[in-house]
């Protein structure tokens, strides 16, 4: 049986997530919005959901399950949907500095 890593959404971001409009498709999640929630062995994300509920530590909307291969799925009102970690764009450091504004010349 596969092992799932559980990521529990922190309460402040959960409130924003709960009231945001539902968007179909893959979600992008930020690691800073989550805290470790342990692991569970299950056949699928729905099996993990049921097992956690039966153990008295149910999943909530916004919580994420991560497979052994690193694939993420997020718990939404409609079930589970695929997700990915947010990766910020790396700055190259070779960007040109901004040009100073032109100053008016008085005659």
PDB file of N, CA and C in Angstrom:
ATOM      1  N   UNK A   1       0.834  -1.177   0.000  1.00  0.00           N
ATOM      2  CA  UNK A   1       0.000   0.000   0.000  1.00  0.00           C
ATOM      3  C   UNK A   1       0.883   1.246   0.000  1.00  0.00           C
ATOM      4  N   UNK A   2       0.504   2.241  -0.780  1.00  0.00           N
ATOM      5  CA  UNK A   2       1.289   3.487  -0.818  1.00  0.00           C
ATOM      6  C   UNK A   2       1.221   4.254   0.507  1.00  0.00           C
ATOM      7  N   UNK A   3       2.253   5.032   0.759  1.00  0.00           N
ATOM      8  CA  UNK A   3       2.329   5.879   1.954  1.00  0.00           C
ATOM      9  C   UNK A   3       2.105   7.324   1.511  1.00  0.00           C
ATOM     10  N   UNK A   4       1.258   8.037   2.222  1.00  0.00           N
ATOM     11  CA  UNK A   4       0.972   9.441   1.944  1.00  0.00           C
ATOM     12  C   UNK A   4       1.495  10.294   3.085  1.00  0.00           C
ATOM     13  N   UNK A   5       2.154  11.389   2.730  1.00  0.00           N
ATOM     14  CA  UNK A   5       2.564  12.410   3.695  1.00  0.00           C
ATOM     15  C   UNK A   5       1.402  13.397   3.796  1.00  0.00           C
ATOM     16  N   UNK A   6       1.012  13.750   5.001  1.00  0.00           N
ATOM     17  CA  UNK A   6      -0.113  14.661   5.217  1.00  0.00           C
ATOM     18  C   UNK A   6       0.428  16.053   5.518  1.00  0.00           C
ATOM     19  N   UNK A   7      -0.108  17.050   4.810  1.00  0.00           N
ATOM     20  CA  UNK A   7       0.243  18.457   5.054  1.00  0.00           C
ATOM     21  C   UNK A   7      -1.045  19.161   5.471  1.00  0.00           C
ATOM     22  N   UNK A   8      -1.085  19.634   6.703  1.00  0.00           N
ATOM     23  CA  UNK A   8      -2.271  20.319   7.231  1.00  0.00           C
ATOM     24  C   UNK A   8      -2.136  21.820   7.012  1.00  0.00           C
ATOM     25  N   UNK A   9      -3.169  22.411   6.431  1.00  0.00           N
ATOM     26  CA  UNK A   9      -3.147  23.850   6.181  1.00  0.00           C
ATOM     27  C   UNK A   9      -3.299  24.597   7.496  1.00  0.00           C
ATOM     28  N   UNK A  10      -2.517  25.650   7.669  1.00  0.00           N
ATOM     29  CA  UNK A  10      -2.618  26.488   8.861  1.00  0.00           C
ATOM     30  C   UNK A  10      -3.973  27.210   8.841  1.00  0.00           C
ATOM     31  N   UNK A  11      -4.431  27.633   9.997  1.00  0.00           N
ATOM     32  CA  UNK A  11      -5.790  28.165  10.111  1.00  0.00           C
ATOM     33  C   UNK A  11      -6.016  29.471   9.339  1.00  0.00           C
ATOM     34  N   UNK A  12      -5.095  30.414   9.382  1.00  0.00           N
ATOM     35  CA  UNK A  12      -5.300  31.696   8.682  1.00  0.00           C
ATOM     36  C   UNK A  12      -5.453  31.496   7.165  1.00  0.00           C
ATOM     37  N   UNK A  13      -4.549  30.766   6.503  1.00  0.00           N
ATOM     38  CA  UNK A  13      -4.746  30.550   5.069  1.00  0.00           C
ATOM     39  C   UNK A  13      -5.979  29.699   4.770  1.00  0.00           C
ATOM     40  N   UNK A  14      -6.364  28.830   5.698  1.00  0.00           N
ATOM     41  CA  UNK A  14      -7.545  27.987   5.476  1.00  0.00           C
ATOM     42  C   UNK A  14      -8.801  28.839   5.329  1.00  0.00           C
ATOM     43  N   UNK A  15      -8.901  29.898   6.151  1.00  0.00           N
ATOM     44  CA  UNK A  15     -10.079  30.758   6.064  1.00  0.00           C
ATOM     45  C   UNK A  15     -10.167  31.436   4.699  1.00  0.00           C
ATOM     46  N   UNK A  16      -9.033  31.874   4.163  1.00  0.00           N
ATOM     47  CA  UNK A  16      -9.023  32.466   2.817  1.00  0.00           C
ATOM     48  C   UNK A  16      -9.399  31.421   1.783  1.00  0.00           C
ATOM     49  N   UNK A  17      -8.848  30.221   1.918  1.00  0.00           N
ATOM     50  CA  UNK A  17      -9.100  29.144   0.958  1.00  0.00           C
ATOM     51  C   UNK A  17     -10.573  28.753   0.971  1.00  0.00           C
ATOM     52  N   UNK A  18     -11.161  28.684   2.167  1.00  0.00           N
ATOM     53  CA  UNK A  18     -12.567  28.271   2.280  1.00  0.00           C
ATOM     54  C   UNK A  18     -13.506  29.213   1.545  1.00  0.00           C
ATOM     55  N   UNK A  19     -13.217  30.507   1.594  1.00  0.00           N
ATOM     56  CA  UNK A  19     -14.132  31.490   1.021  1.00  0.00           C
ATOM     57  C   UNK A  19     -13.783  31.899  -0.399  1.00  0.00           C
ATOM     58  N   UNK A  20     -12.669  31.407  -0.915  1.00  0.00           N
ATOM     59  CA  UNK A  20     -12.288  31.711  -2.302  1.00  0.00           C
ATOM     60  C   UNK A  20     -13.199  30.926  -3.249  1.00  0.00           C
ATOM     61  N   UNK A  21     -13.474  31.476  -4.430  1.00  0.00           N
ATOM     62  CA  UNK A  21     -14.301  30.737  -5.385  1.00  0.00           C
ATOM     63  C   UNK A  21     -13.590  29.464  -5.843  1.00  0.00           C
ATOM     64  N   UNK A  22     -14.371  28.418  -6.106  1.00  0.00           N
ATOM     65  CA  UNK A  22     -13.795  27.151  -6.569  1.00  0.00           C
ATOM     66  C   UNK A  22     -13.236  27.327  -7.976  1.00  0.00           C
ATOM     67  N   UNK A  23     -12.039  26.864  -8.172  1.00  0.00           N
ATOM     68  CA  UNK A  23     -11.390  26.902  -9.478  1.00  0.00           C
ATOM     69  C   UNK A  23     -11.043  25.472  -9.848  1.00  0.00           C
ATOM     70  N   UNK A  24     -11.504  25.030 -11.000  1.00  0.00           N
ATOM     71  CA  UNK A  24     -11.206  23.666 -11.446  1.00  0.00           C
ATOM     72  C   UNK A  24      -9.768  23.588 -11.948  1.00  0.00           C
ATOM     73  N   UNK A  25      -9.195  22.417 -11.840  1.00  0.00           N
ATOM     74  CA  UNK A  25      -7.839  22.219 -12.346  1.00  0.00           C
ATOM     75  C   UNK A  25      -6.826  22.191 -11.220  1.00  0.00           C
ATOM     76  N   UNK A  26      -5.575  22.076 -11.615  1.00  0.00           N
ATOM     77  CA  UNK A  26      -4.486  21.950 -10.639  1.00  0.00           C
ATOM     78  C   UNK A  26      -4.335  23.230  -9.823  1.00  0.00           C
ATOM     79  N   UNK A  27      -4.144  23.062  -8.529  1.00  0.00           N
ATOM     80  CA  UNK A  27      -3.944  24.184  -7.626  1.00  0.00           C
ATOM     81  C   UNK A  27      -2.450  24.351  -7.360  1.00  0.00           C
ATOM     82  N   UNK A  28      -2.057  25.570  -7.056  1.00  0.00           N
ATOM     83  CA  UNK A  28      -0.682  25.844  -6.641  1.00  0.00           C
ATOM     84  C   UNK A  28      -0.734  26.216  -5.173  1.00  0.00           C
ATOM     85  N   UNK A  29       0.033  25.486  -4.359  1.00  0.00           N
ATOM     86  CA  UNK A  29       0.010  25.702  -2.915  1.00  0.00           C
ATOM     87  C   UNK A  29       1.380  26.158  -2.431  1.00  0.00           C
ATOM     88  N   UNK A  30       1.392  26.941  -1.368  1.00  0.00           N
ATOM     89  CA  UNK A  30       2.636  27.461  -0.790  1.00  0.00           C
ATOM     90  C   UNK A  30       3.001  26.650   0.448  1.00  0.00           C
ATOM     91  N   UNK A  31       4.212  26.186   0.505  1.00  0.00           N
ATOM     92  CA  UNK A  31       4.681  25.364   1.624  1.00  0.00           C
ATOM     93  C   UNK A  31       4.551  26.100   2.952  1.00  0.00           C
ATOM     94  N   UNK A  32       4.690  27.419   2.954  1.00  0.00           N
ATOM     95  CA  UNK A  32       4.622  28.183   4.205  1.00  0.00           C
ATOM     96  C   UNK A  32       3.222  28.162   4.831  1.00  0.00           C
ATOM     97  N   UNK A  33       2.214  27.791   4.038  1.00  0.00           N
ATOM     98  CA  UNK A  33       0.843  27.734   4.538  1.00  0.00           C
ATOM     99  C   UNK A  33       0.502  26.394   5.189  1.00  0.00           C
ATOM    100  N   UNK A  34       1.474  25.490   5.260  1.00  0.00           N
ATOM    101  CA  UNK A  34       1.219  24.127   5.743  1.00  0.00           C
ATOM    102  C   UNK A  34       2.163  23.749   6.867  1.00  0.00           C
ATOM    103  N   UNK A  35       1.695  22.794   7.672  1.00  0.00           N
ATOM    104  CA  UNK A  35       2.533  22.205   8.706  1.00  0.00           C
ATOM    105  C   UNK A  35       2.422  20.692   8.593  1.00  0.00           C
ATOM    106  N   UNK A  36       3.459  19.964   9.004  1.00  0.00           N
ATOM    107  CA  UNK A  36       3.436  18.505   8.882  1.00  0.00           C
ATOM    108  C   UNK A  36       2.273  17.900   9.662  1.00  0.00           C
ATOM    109  N   UNK A  37       1.655  16.882   9.055  1.00  0.00           N
ATOM    110  CA  UNK A  37       0.514  16.234   9.691  1.00  0.00           C
ATOM    111  C   UNK A  37       0.677  14.733   9.825  1.00  0.00           C
ATOM    112  N   UNK A  38       1.905  14.252   9.650  1.00  0.00           N
ATOM    113  CA  UNK A  38       2.145  12.820   9.792  1.00  0.00           C
ATOM    114  C   UNK A  38       2.046  12.086   8.466  1.00  0.00           C
ATOM    115  N   UNK A  39       1.884  10.789   8.555  1.00  0.00           N
ATOM    116  CA  UNK A  39       1.793   9.937   7.377  1.00  0.00           C
ATOM    117  C   UNK A  39       0.647   8.960   7.557  1.00  0.00           C
ATOM    118  N   UNK A  40       0.186   8.421   6.429  1.00  0.00           N
ATOM    119  CA  UNK A  40      -0.836   7.383   6.469  1.00  0.00           C
ATOM    120  C   UNK A  40      -0.634   6.447   5.290  1.00  0.00           C
ATOM    121  N   UNK A  41      -0.866   5.183   5.541  1.00  0.00           N
ATOM    122  CA  UNK A  41      -0.772   4.178   4.495  1.00  0.00           C
ATOM    123  C   UNK A  41      -2.194   3.922   3.994  1.00  0.00           C
ATOM    124  N   UNK A  42      -2.400   4.058   2.680  1.00  0.00           N
ATOM    125  CA  UNK A  42      -3.736   3.903   2.109  1.00  0.00           C
ATOM    126  C   UNK A  42      -3.628   3.546   0.625  1.00  0.00           C
ATOM    127  N   UNK A  43      -4.712   3.005   0.085  1.00  0.00           N
ATOM    128  CA  UNK A  43      -4.745   2.625  -1.331  1.00  0.00           C
ATOM    129  C   UNK A  43      -4.873   3.830  -2.261  1.00  0.00           C
ATOM    130  N   UNK A  44      -5.557   4.876  -1.814  1.00  0.00           N
ATOM    131  CA  UNK A  44      -5.775   6.076  -2.622  1.00  0.00           C
ATOM    132  C   UNK A  44      -5.994   7.252  -1.690  1.00  0.00           C
ATOM    133  N   UNK A  45      -6.125   8.444  -2.260  1.00  0.00           N
ATOM    134  CA  UNK A  45      -6.383   9.613  -1.420  1.00  0.00           C
ATOM    135  C   UNK A  45      -7.745   9.508  -0.735  1.00  0.00           C
ATOM    136  N   UNK A  46      -8.724   8.896  -1.398  1.00  0.00           N
ATOM    137  CA  UNK A  46     -10.043   8.741  -0.788  1.00  0.00           C
ATOM    138  C   UNK A  46     -10.007   7.719   0.353  1.00  0.00           C
ATOM    139  N   UNK A  47      -9.194   6.678   0.195  1.00  0.00           N
ATOM    140  CA  UNK A  47      -9.000   5.712   1.267  1.00  0.00           C
ATOM    141  C   UNK A  47      -8.296   6.388   2.449  1.00  0.00           C
ATOM    142  N   UNK A  48      -7.304   7.230   2.161  1.00  0.00           N
ATOM    143  CA  UNK A  48      -6.603   7.971   3.217  1.00  0.00           C
ATOM    144  C   UNK A  48      -7.583   8.885   3.953  1.00  0.00           C
ATOM    145  N   UNK A  49      -8.451   9.551   3.210  1.00  0.00           N
ATOM    146  CA  UNK A  49      -9.462  10.428   3.793  1.00  0.00           C
ATOM    147  C   UNK A  49     -10.339   9.649   4.772  1.00  0.00           C
ATOM    148  N   UNK A  50     -10.827   8.473   4.339  1.00  0.00           N
ATOM    149  CA  UNK A  50     -11.704   7.652   5.169  1.00  0.00           C
ATOM    150  C   UNK A  50     -10.960   7.132   6.400  1.00  0.00           C
ATOM    151  N   UNK A  51      -9.723   6.688   6.218  1.00  0.00           N
ATOM    152  CA  UNK A  51      -8.945   6.158   7.346  1.00  0.00           C
ATOM    153  C   UNK A  51      -8.677   7.253   8.386  1.00  0.00           C
ATOM    154  N   UNK A  52      -8.330   8.445   7.922  1.00  0.00           N
ATOM    155  CA  UNK A  52      -8.076   9.552   8.844  1.00  0.00           C
ATOM    156  C   UNK A  52      -9.344   9.931   9.608  1.00  0.00           C
ATOM    157  N   UNK A  53     -10.471   9.929   8.912  1.00  0.00           N
ATOM    158  CA  UNK A  53     -11.745  10.247   9.567  1.00  0.00           C
ATOM    159  C   UNK A  53     -12.053   9.206  10.643  1.00  0.00           C
ATOM    160  N   UNK A  54     -11.821   7.923  10.327  1.00  0.00           N
ATOM    161  CA  UNK A  54     -12.084   6.851  11.290  1.00  0.00           C
ATOM    162  C   UNK A  54     -11.125   6.888  12.483  1.00  0.00           C
ATOM    163  N   UNK A  55      -9.919   7.427  12.277  1.00  0.00           N
ATOM    164  CA  UNK A  55      -8.932   7.540  13.354  1.00  0.00           C
ATOM    165  C   UNK A  55      -9.189   8.751  14.248  1.00  0.00           C
ATOM    166  N   UNK A  56     -10.133   9.609  13.864  1.00  0.00           N
ATOM    167  CA  UNK A  56     -10.444  10.787  14.666  1.00  0.00           C
ATOM    168  C   UNK A  56      -9.590  11.993  14.324  1.00  0.00           C
ATOM    169  N   UNK A  57      -8.888  11.951  13.212  1.00  0.00           N
ATOM    170  CA  UNK A  57      -8.108  13.122  12.768  1.00  0.00           C
ATOM    171  C   UNK A  57      -8.425  13.406  11.298  1.00  0.00           C
ATOM    172  N   UNK A  58      -9.686  13.803  11.044  1.00  0.00           N
ATOM    173  CA  UNK A  58     -10.144  13.966   9.662  1.00  0.00           C
ATOM    174  C   UNK A  58      -9.418  15.071   8.901  1.00  0.00           C
ATOM    175  N   UNK A  59      -9.391  14.920   7.601  1.00  0.00           N
ATOM    176  CA  UNK A  59      -8.826  15.957   6.734  1.00  0.00           C
ATOM    177  C   UNK A  59      -9.842  17.073   6.601  1.00  0.00           C
ATOM    178  N   UNK A  60      -9.347  18.277   6.401  1.00  0.00           N
ATOM    179  CA  UNK A  60     -10.206  19.437   6.194  1.00  0.00           C
ATOM    180  C   UNK A  60      -9.930  20.009   4.808  1.00  0.00           C
ATOM    181  N   UNK A  61     -10.854  20.819   4.351  1.00  0.00           N
ATOM    182  CA  UNK A  61     -10.680  21.477   3.062  1.00  0.00           C
ATOM    183  C   UNK A  61      -9.385  22.281   3.093  1.00  0.00           C
ATOM    184  N   UNK A  62      -8.531  22.068   2.093  1.00  0.00           N
ATOM    185  CA  UNK A  62      -7.247  22.758   2.006  1.00  0.00           C
ATOM    186  C   UNK A  62      -6.071  21.890   2.377  1.00  0.00           C
ATOM    187  N   UNK A  63      -6.305  20.785   3.096  1.00  0.00           N
ATOM    188  CA  UNK A  63      -5.215  19.881   3.452  1.00  0.00           C
ATOM    189  C   UNK A  63      -4.704  19.170   2.191  1.00  0.00           C
ATOM    190  N   UNK A  64      -3.438  18.783   2.227  1.00  0.00           N
ATOM    191  CA  UNK A  64      -2.781  18.186   1.058  1.00  0.00           C
ATOM    192  C   UNK A  64      -2.205  16.824   1.424  1.00  0.00           C
ATOM    193  N   UNK A  65      -2.343  15.889   0.487  1.00  0.00           N
ATOM    194  CA  UNK A  65      -1.685  14.586   0.594  1.00  0.00           C
ATOM    195  C   UNK A  65      -0.583  14.540  -0.447  1.00  0.00           C
ATOM    196  N   UNK A  66       0.575  14.033  -0.051  1.00  0.00           N
ATOM    197  CA  UNK A  66       1.717  13.910  -0.957  1.00  0.00           C
ATOM    198  C   UNK A  66       2.087  12.440  -1.073  1.00  0.00           C
ATOM    199  N   UNK A  67       2.195  11.948  -2.311  1.00  0.00           N
ATOM    200  CA  UNK A  67       2.553  10.553  -2.528  1.00  0.00           C
ATOM    201  C   UNK A  67       4.050  10.359  -2.354  1.00  0.00           C
ATOM    202  N   UNK A  68       4.469   9.111  -2.378  1.00  0.00           N
ATOM    203  CA  UNK A  68       5.892   8.786  -2.259  1.00  0.00           C
ATOM    204  C   UNK A  68       6.695   9.338  -3.425  1.00  0.00           C
ATOM    205  N   UNK A  69       6.036   9.571  -4.568  1.00  0.00           N
ATOM    206  CA  UNK A  69       6.725  10.122  -5.736  1.00  0.00           C
ATOM    207  C   UNK A  69       6.738  11.644  -5.745  1.00  0.00           C
ATOM    208  N   UNK A  70       6.069  12.273  -4.765  1.00  0.00           N
ATOM    209  CA  UNK A  70       6.053  13.732  -4.680  1.00  0.00           C
ATOM    210  C   UNK A  70       4.826  14.379  -5.294  1.00  0.00           C
ATOM    211  N   UNK A  71       3.911  13.584  -5.854  1.00  0.00           N
ATOM    212  CA  UNK A  71       2.682  14.139  -6.425  1.00  0.00           C
ATOM    213  C   UNK A  71       1.779  14.619  -5.292  1.00  0.00           C
ATOM    214  N   UNK A  72       1.139  15.764  -5.498  1.00  0.00           N
ATOM    215  CA  UNK A  72       0.267  16.355  -4.489  1.00  0.00           C
ATOM    216  C   UNK A  72      -1.185  16.299  -4.927  1.00  0.00           C
ATOM    217  N   UNK A  73      -2.084  16.141  -3.955  1.00  0.00           N
ATOM    218  CA  UNK A  73      -3.509  16.307  -4.224  1.00  0.00           C
ATOM    219  C   UNK A  73      -4.103  17.056  -3.032  1.00  0.00           C
ATOM    220  N   UNK A  74      -4.954  18.019  -3.340  1.00  0.00           N
ATOM    221  CA  UNK A  74      -5.521  18.899  -2.324  1.00  0.00           C
ATOM    222  C   UNK A  74      -6.976  18.534  -2.093  1.00  0.00           C
ATOM    223  N   UNK A  75      -7.384  18.570  -0.845  1.00  0.00           N
ATOM    224  CA  UNK A  75      -8.754  18.260  -0.467  1.00  0.00           C
ATOM    225  C   UNK A  75      -9.614  19.512  -0.694  1.00  0.00           C
ATOM    226  N   UNK A  76     -10.621  19.364  -1.553  1.00  0.00           N
ATOM    227  CA  UNK A  76     -11.553  20.451  -1.833  1.00  0.00           C
ATOM    228  C   UNK A  76     -12.961  19.969  -1.515  1.00  0.00           C
ATOM    229  N   UNK A  77     -13.925  20.861  -1.591  1.00  0.00           N
ATOM    230  CA  UNK A  77     -15.307  20.494  -1.329  1.00  0.00           C
ATOM    231  C   UNK A  77     -15.808  19.421  -2.289  1.00  0.00           C
ATOM    232  N   UNK A  78     -15.264  19.392  -3.500  1.00  0.00           N
ATOM    233  CA  UNK A  78     -15.731  18.464  -4.530  1.00  0.00           C
ATOM    234  C   UNK A  78     -14.928  17.171  -4.575  1.00  0.00           C
ATOM    235  N   UNK A  79     -13.969  17.001  -3.694  1.00  0.00           N
ATOM    236  CA  UNK A  79     -13.113  15.818  -3.695  1.00  0.00           C
ATOM    237  C   UNK A  79     -11.659  16.238  -3.708  1.00  0.00           C
ATOM    238  N   UNK A  80     -10.828  15.410  -4.297  1.00  0.00           N
ATOM    239  CA  UNK A  80      -9.402  15.708  -4.387  1.00  0.00           C
ATOM    240  C   UNK A  80      -9.056  16.157  -5.800  1.00  0.00           C
ATOM    241  N   UNK A  81      -8.181  17.151  -5.889  1.00  0.00           N
ATOM    242  CA  UNK A  81      -7.683  17.617  -7.185  1.00  0.00           C
ATOM    243  C   UNK A  81      -6.167  17.719  -7.104  1.00  0.00           C
ATOM    244  N   UNK A  82      -5.521  17.634  -8.259  1.00  0.00           N
ATOM    245  CA  UNK A  82      -4.063  17.699  -8.279  1.00  0.00           C
ATOM    246  C   UNK A  82      -3.584  19.089  -7.868  1.00  0.00           C
ATOM    247  N   UNK A  83      -2.378  19.125  -7.339  1.00  0.00           N
ATOM    248  CA  UNK A  83      -1.785  20.380  -6.872  1.00  0.00           C
ATOM    249  C   UNK A  83      -0.279  20.318  -7.093  1.00  0.00           C
ATOM    250  N   UNK A  84       0.352  21.457  -6.951  1.00  0.00           N
ATOM    251  CA  UNK A  84       1.818  21.525  -7.044  1.00  0.00           C
ATOM    252  C   UNK A  84       2.288  22.616  -6.095  1.00  0.00           C
ATOM    253  N   UNK A  85       3.529  22.485  -5.639  1.00  0.00           N
ATOM    254  CA  UNK A  85       4.110  23.497  -4.769  1.00  0.00           C
ATOM    255  C   UNK A  85       4.435  24.744  -5.571  1.00  0.00           C
ATOM    256  N   UNK A  86       4.208  25.903  -4.993  1.00  0.00           N
ATOM    257  CA  UNK A  86       4.575  27.172  -5.602  1.00  0.00           C
ATOM    258  C   UNK A  86       6.095  27.295  -5.594  1.00  0.00           C
ATOM    259  N   UNK A  87       6.649  27.623  -6.752  1.00  0.00           N
ATOM    260  CA  UNK A  87       8.092  27.819  -6.871  1.00  0.00           C
ATOM    261  C   UNK A  87       8.313  29.246  -7.371  1.00  0.00           C
ATOM    262  N   UNK A  88       8.893  30.123  -6.541  1.00  0.00           N
ATOM    263  CA  UNK A  88       9.103  31.507  -6.973  1.00  0.00           C
ATOM    264  C   UNK A  88      10.132  31.569  -8.100  1.00  0.00           C
ATOM    265  N   UNK A  89       9.956  32.573  -8.942  1.00  0.00           N
ATOM    266  CA  UNK A  89      10.919  32.758 -10.028  1.00  0.00           C
ATOM    267  C   UNK A  89      12.257  33.176  -9.445  1.00  0.00           C
ATOM    268  N   UNK A  90      13.301  32.570  -9.945  1.00  0.00           N
ATOM    269  CA  UNK A  90      14.648  32.915  -9.486  1.00  0.00           C
ATOM    270  C   UNK A  90      15.117  34.165 -10.213  1.00  0.00           C
ATOM    271  N   UNK A  91      15.670  35.103  -9.466  1.00  0.00           N
ATOM    272  CA  UNK A  91      16.215  36.311 -10.079  1.00  0.00           C
ATOM    273  C   UNK A  91      17.633  36.009 -10.520  1.00  0.00           C
ATOM    274  N   UNK A  92      17.963  36.442 -11.714  1.00  0.00           N
ATOM    275  CA  UNK A  92      19.276  36.109 -12.266  1.00  0.00           C
ATOM    276  C   UNK A  92      20.401  36.937 -11.658  1.00  0.00           C
ATOM    277  N   UNK A  93      20.103  38.118 -11.148  1.00  0.00           N
ATOM    278  CA  UNK A  93      21.142  38.964 -10.581  1.00  0.00           C
ATOM    279  C   UNK A  93      21.863  39.777 -11.641  1.00  0.00           C
ATOM    280  N   UNK A  94      21.569  39.516 -12.894  1.00  0.00           N
ATOM    281  CA  UNK A  94      22.206  40.239 -13.995  1.00  0.00           C
ATOM    282  C   UNK A  94      21.258  41.256 -14.612  1.00  0.00           C
ATOM    283  N   UNK A  95      20.266  41.628 -13.849  1.00  0.00           N
ATOM    284  CA  UNK A  95      19.315  42.605 -14.357  1.00  0.00           C
ATOM    285  C   UNK A  95      19.934  43.994 -14.299  1.00  0.00           C
ATOM    286  N   UNK A  96      19.637  44.794 -15.283  1.00  0.00           N
ATOM    287  CA  UNK A  96      20.148  46.154 -15.319  1.00  0.00           C
ATOM    288  C   UNK A  96      19.456  46.979 -14.240  1.00  0.00           C
ATOM    289  N   UNK A  97      20.206  47.840 -13.547  1.00  0.00           N
ATOM    290  CA  UNK A  97      19.567  48.672 -12.529  1.00  0.00           C
ATOM    291  C   UNK A  97      18.618  49.664 -13.199  1.00  0.00           C
ATOM    292  N   UNK A  98      17.579  50.064 -12.500  1.00  0.00           N
ATOM    293  CA  UNK A  98      16.652  51.018 -13.109  1.00  0.00           C
ATOM    294  C   UNK A  98      17.341  52.348 -13.365  1.00  0.00           C
ATOM    295  N   UNK A  99      16.957  52.978 -14.465  1.00  0.00           N
ATOM    296  CA  UNK A  99      17.570  54.268 -14.822  1.00  0.00           C
ATOM    297  C   UNK A  99      16.955  55.347 -13.935  1.00  0.00           C
ATOM    298  N   UNK A 100      17.782  56.320 -13.511  1.00  0.00           N
ATOM    299  CA  UNK A 100      17.236  57.404 -12.687  1.00  0.00           C
ATOM    300  C   UNK A 100      16.291  58.262 -13.514  1.00  0.00           C
ATOM    301  N   UNK A 101      15.275  58.830 -12.889  1.00  0.00           N
ATOM    302  CA  UNK A 101      14.353  59.680 -13.640  1.00  0.00           C
ATOM    303  C   UNK A 101      15.051  60.939 -14.143  1.00  0.00           C
ATOM    304  N   UNK A 102      14.594  61.392 -15.297  1.00  0.00           N
ATOM    305  CA  UNK A 102      15.195  62.616 -15.859  1.00  0.00           C
ATOM    306  C   UNK A 102      14.785  63.806 -15.005  1.00  0.00           C
ATOM    307  N   UNK A 103      15.730  64.711 -14.817  1.00  0.00           N
ATOM    308  CA  UNK A 103      15.418  65.890 -14.021  1.00  0.00           C
ATOM    309  C   UNK A 103      15.164  67.056 -14.979  1.00  0.00           C
ATOM    310  N   UNK A 104      14.222  67.898 -14.605  1.00  0.00           N
ATOM    311  CA  UNK A 104      13.896  69.058 -15.424  1.00  0.00           C
ATOM    312  C   UNK A 104      15.032  70.073 -15.348  1.00  0.00           C
ATOM    313  N   UNK A 105      15.352  70.652 -16.470  1.00  0.00           N
ATOM    314  CA  UNK A 105      16.425  71.652 -16.526  1.00  0.00           C
ATOM    315  C   UNK A 105      15.758  73.031 -16.493  1.00  0.00           C
ATOM    316  N   UNK A 106      16.203  73.889 -15.569  1.00  0.00           N
ATOM    317  CA  UNK A 106      15.655  75.229 -15.481  1.00  0.00           C
ATOM    318  C   UNK A 106      16.578  76.184 -16.213  1.00  0.00           C
ATOM    319  N   UNK A 107      16.016  77.071 -16.977  1.00  0.00           N
ATOM    320  CA  UNK A 107      16.806  78.063 -17.729  1.00  0.00           C
ATOM    321  C   UNK A 107      16.738  79.419 -17.120  1.00  0.00           C
TER     322      UNK A 107
END
